[in-house]
Amino acid sequence: MQNWKIDKMFKRNLLLISLSILLSSCAAEWQSNTGGSNKLYQDKAYCKSVANAAAPIYICRNPLMCAPDETPVVIQSLSSNTGYFNQCMFDRGNTIK
């Protein structure tokens, strides 16, 4: 019975890691319509700080794996943070390539 729980936990963690790698590879590539790469770099830094202040990313109690009750909280905090970042970038006049 104990091996079944470990196997189930391993599969769930593998799925979460695979999902996070897939989602991070889908990250938007931004371009600035009003300035050069320096302006884009400044906008990214500013919007990252705005997103982290408005929607901080939840970190699990155990750094090696999240408990089942923490998984939805992590996914929700990541999506909220990304939403705030994207909205800030659009508001500052940037577009996605």
Protein backbone atom coordinates (compact mmCIF):
# COMPACT_ATOMS: atom_id res chain seq x y z
CA MET A 1 0.00 0.00 0.00
CA GLN A 2 2.85 2.38 0.83
CA ASN A 3 4.52 1.80 -2.57
CA TRP A 4 1.25 2.70 -4.31
CA LYS A 5 1.14 6.08 -2.52
CA ILE A 6 4.77 6.81 -3.41
CA ASP A 7 4.17 5.82 -7.04
CA LYS A 8 1.05 8.00 -7.23
CA MET A 9 2.90 10.93 -5.66
CA PHE A 10 5.82 10.50 -8.08
CA LYS A 11 3.50 10.46 -11.09
CA ARG A 12 1.69 13.58 -9.86
CA ASN A 13 4.97 15.44 -9.29
CA LEU A 14 6.25 14.35 -12.70
CA LEU A 15 3.05 15.66 -14.28
CA LEU A 16 3.40 19.01 -12.48
CA ILE A 17 7.03 19.37 -13.53
CA SER A 18 6.18 18.49 -17.13
CA LEU A 19 3.30 20.95 -17.10
CA SER A 20 5.46 23.74 -15.71
CA ILE A 21 8.16 23.12 -18.36
CA LEU A 22 5.52 23.14 -21.09
CA LEU A 23 3.94 26.34 -19.82
CA SER A 24 7.27 28.09 -19.39
CA SER A 25 8.19 27.24 -22.97
CA CYS A 26 4.98 28.97 -24.06
CA ALA A 27 6.08 32.23 -22.49
CA ALA A 28 5.39 35.29 -24.60
CA GLU A 29 8.18 37.08 -26.41
CA TRP A 30 7.58 40.80 -26.10
CA GLN A 31 8.51 43.68 -28.37
CA SER A 32 8.44 47.38 -27.58
CA ASN A 33 6.56 49.65 -29.97
CA THR A 34 7.82 52.87 -28.38
CA GLY A 35 11.50 52.24 -27.81
CA GLY A 36 14.45 49.92 -28.10
CA SER A 37 15.54 46.91 -26.15
CA ASN A 38 16.53 49.01 -23.14
CA LYS A 39 12.95 50.26 -22.75
CA LEU A 40 11.67 46.71 -23.10
CA TYR A 41 14.10 45.52 -20.41
CA GLN A 42 12.93 48.30 -18.08
CA ASP A 43 9.27 47.49 -18.76
CA LYS A 44 9.83 43.79 -18.03
CA ALA A 45 11.58 44.57 -14.75
CA TYR A 46 8.89 47.04 -13.71
CA CYS A 47 6.02 44.73 -14.64
CA LYS A 48 7.64 41.77 -12.89
CA SER A 49 7.81 43.78 -9.67
CA VAL A 50 4.20 44.98 -10.11
CA ALA A 51 3.01 41.40 -10.68
CA ASN A 52 4.95 40.07 -7.69
CA ALA A 53 3.50 42.80 -5.46
CA ALA A 54 -0.08 42.36 -6.68
CA ALA A 55 -0.10 38.54 -6.92
CA PRO A 56 2.82 36.89 -5.12
CA ILE A 57 3.66 33.34 -6.19
CA TYR A 58 2.84 30.78 -3.51
CA ILE A 59 5.76 28.64 -2.36
CA CYS A 60 4.92 25.19 -0.97
CA ARG A 61 5.64 24.32 2.65
CA ASN A 62 7.92 21.50 1.55
CA PRO A 63 10.40 22.79 -1.04
CA LEU A 64 10.73 19.37 -2.69
CA MET A 65 7.02 18.79 -3.34
CA CYS A 66 3.65 20.40 -2.79
CA ALA A 67 0.98 18.83 -0.63
CA PRO A 68 -2.29 17.99 -2.39
CA ASP A 69 -4.05 20.94 -0.77
CA GLU A 70 -1.34 23.33 -2.03
CA THR A 71 -1.39 22.40 -5.73
CA PRO A 72 -4.45 24.48 -6.68
CA VAL A 73 -3.09 27.43 -4.70
CA VAL A 74 0.21 27.26 -6.59
CA ILE A 75 -1.48 27.05 -10.00
CA GLN A 76 -3.83 29.92 -9.15
CA SER A 77 -1.02 32.14 -7.88
CA LEU A 78 1.10 31.47 -10.98
CA SER A 79 -1.76 32.30 -13.33
CA SER A 80 -2.66 35.47 -11.41
CA ASN A 81 0.96 36.61 -11.42
CA THR A 82 1.25 35.99 -15.16
CA GLY A 83 -2.00 37.86 -15.77
CA TYR A 84 -0.81 40.92 -13.86
CA PHE A 85 2.51 40.85 -15.73
CA ASN A 86 0.85 40.58 -19.15
CA GLN A 87 -1.64 43.34 -18.39
CA CYS A 88 1.16 45.64 -17.22
CA MET A 89 3.18 44.96 -20.37
CA PHE A 90 0.18 45.72 -22.60
CA ASP A 91 -0.60 48.88 -20.61
CA ARG A 92 2.96 50.11 -21.19
CA GLY A 93 2.55 49.80 -24.95
CA ASN A 94 4.32 46.50 -25.59
CA THR A 95 3.04 43.76 -27.85
CA ILE A 96 3.65 40.06 -28.23
CA LYS A 97 5.75 39.03 -31.25
